[in-house]
Amino acid sequence: MKRASRLKLNHTGAQKIHYNRTTQTILLMGSNELPVYTIDSKSLDLSLIKNLEGHETIITCISDI
């Protein structure tokens, strides 16, 4: 059985997790930043690829375009 990497969350933690199967990415919502991780399909290791900043309030939802 394969086990995914553990994510280190900021002090507020994640209130929602969004997984996109097509792009193999995970987004963590629950603060005013939005970390975006990519998943290695073989090892299931996660790598932070972006940390979207600049929101004034907590991010509670996103929309795929």
C-alpha atoms as a PDB file:
ATOM      1  CA  MET A   1       0.000   0.000   0.000  1.00  0.00           C
ATOM      2  CA  LYS A   2       1.358   3.440  -0.950  1.00  0.00           C
ATOM      3  CA  ARG A   3       1.033   6.313   1.471  1.00  0.00           C
ATOM      4  CA  ALA A   4       1.082   9.964   0.428  1.00  0.00           C
ATOM      5  CA  SER A   5       3.461  12.454   1.974  1.00  0.00           C
ATOM      6  CA  ARG A   6       2.410  14.399   5.016  1.00  0.00           C
ATOM      7  CA  LEU A   7       1.703  18.094   4.586  1.00  0.00           C
ATOM      8  CA  LYS A   8       3.010  20.602   7.102  1.00  0.00           C
ATOM      9  CA  LEU A   9       0.175  23.058   7.629  1.00  0.00           C
ATOM     10  CA  ASN A  10       0.487  26.611   8.875  1.00  0.00           C
ATOM     11  CA  HIS A  11      -0.813  27.474  12.324  1.00  0.00           C
ATOM     12  CA  THR A  12      -4.395  27.909  11.063  1.00  0.00           C
ATOM     13  CA  GLY A  13      -4.502  24.491   9.406  1.00  0.00           C
ATOM     14  CA  ALA A  14      -6.545  23.548   6.361  1.00  0.00           C
ATOM     15  CA  GLN A  15     -10.305  23.810   6.399  1.00  0.00           C
ATOM     16  CA  LYS A  16     -10.757  22.402   2.887  1.00  0.00           C
ATOM     17  CA  ILE A  17      -8.596  20.450   0.481  1.00  0.00           C
ATOM     18  CA  HIS A  18      -9.112  20.639  -3.282  1.00  0.00           C
ATOM     19  CA  TYR A  19      -7.623  17.865  -5.445  1.00  0.00           C
ATOM     20  CA  ASN A  20      -7.417  18.161  -9.237  1.00  0.00           C
ATOM     21  CA  ARG A  21      -6.920  14.757 -10.833  1.00  0.00           C
ATOM     22  CA  THR A  22      -6.032  16.130 -14.270  1.00  0.00           C
ATOM     23  CA  THR A  23      -3.183  18.345 -13.081  1.00  0.00           C
ATOM     24  CA  GLN A  24      -2.299  16.175 -10.057  1.00  0.00           C
ATOM     25  CA  THR A  25      -2.413  19.161  -7.720  1.00  0.00           C
ATOM     26  CA  ILE A  26      -3.671  19.787  -4.201  1.00  0.00           C
ATOM     27  CA  LEU A  27      -4.767  23.191  -2.897  1.00  0.00           C
ATOM     28  CA  LEU A  28      -5.240  23.892   0.805  1.00  0.00           C
ATOM     29  CA  MET A  29      -7.881  26.451   1.795  1.00  0.00           C
ATOM     30  CA  GLY A  30      -8.397  28.004   5.208  1.00  0.00           C
ATOM     31  CA  SER A  31      -6.131  31.034   5.394  1.00  0.00           C
ATOM     32  CA  ASN A  32      -5.441  34.146   3.324  1.00  0.00           C
ATOM     33  CA  GLU A  33      -2.743  32.236   1.391  1.00  0.00           C
ATOM     34  CA  LEU A  34      -3.336  29.377  -1.041  1.00  0.00           C
ATOM     35  CA  PRO A  35      -0.515  26.809  -1.191  1.00  0.00           C
ATOM     36  CA  VAL A  36      -0.512  24.681  -4.359  1.00  0.00           C
ATOM     37  CA  TYR A  37       1.224  21.298  -4.299  1.00  0.00           C
ATOM     38  CA  THR A  38       1.982  18.907  -7.143  1.00  0.00           C
ATOM     39  CA  ILE A  39       1.922  15.130  -6.627  1.00  0.00           C
ATOM     40  CA  ASP A  40       4.595  12.788  -7.987  1.00  0.00           C
ATOM     41  CA  SER A  41       2.507   9.954  -9.468  1.00  0.00           C
ATOM     42  CA  LYS A  42       5.077   7.257  -8.663  1.00  0.00           C
ATOM     43  CA  SER A  43       6.241   8.146  -5.162  1.00  0.00           C
ATOM     44  CA  LEU A  44       3.158  10.191  -4.117  1.00  0.00           C
ATOM     45  CA  ASP A  45       5.542  12.832  -2.742  1.00  0.00           C
ATOM     46  CA  LEU A  46       4.253  16.393  -2.652  1.00  0.00           C
ATOM     47  CA  SER A  47       6.139  19.487  -3.770  1.00  0.00           C
ATOM     48  CA  LEU A  48       5.042  23.055  -3.144  1.00  0.00           C
ATOM     49  CA  ILE A  49       4.896  24.755  -6.551  1.00  0.00           C
ATOM     50  CA  LYS A  50       3.197  28.052  -5.637  1.00  0.00           C
ATOM     51  CA  ASN A  51       1.922  29.929  -2.648  1.00  0.00           C
ATOM     52  CA  LEU A  52      -0.698  32.408  -3.838  1.00  0.00           C
ATOM     53  CA  GLU A  53      -0.755  35.435  -1.544  1.00  0.00           C
ATOM     54  CA  GLY A  54      -2.587  38.746  -1.383  1.00  0.00           C
ATOM     55  CA  HIS A  55      -6.097  37.888  -0.249  1.00  0.00           C
ATOM     56  CA  GLU A  56      -7.421  40.049   2.574  1.00  0.00           C
ATOM     57  CA  THR A  57      -9.689  37.365   4.047  1.00  0.00           C
ATOM     58  CA  ILE A  58      -9.716  33.585   4.431  1.00  0.00           C
ATOM     59  CA  ILE A  59     -10.027  31.631   1.168  1.00  0.00           C
ATOM     60  CA  THR A  60     -13.022  29.310   1.502  1.00  0.00           C
ATOM     61  CA  CYS A  61     -13.596  28.095  -2.089  1.00  0.00           C
ATOM     62  CA  ILE A  62     -12.086  27.995  -5.563  1.00  0.00           C
ATOM     63  CA  SER A  63     -13.344  27.283  -9.062  1.00  0.00           C
ATOM     64  CA  ASP A  64     -11.660  25.270 -11.817  1.00  0.00           C
ATOM     65  CA  ILE A  65     -11.622  27.042 -15.165  1.00  0.00           C
END
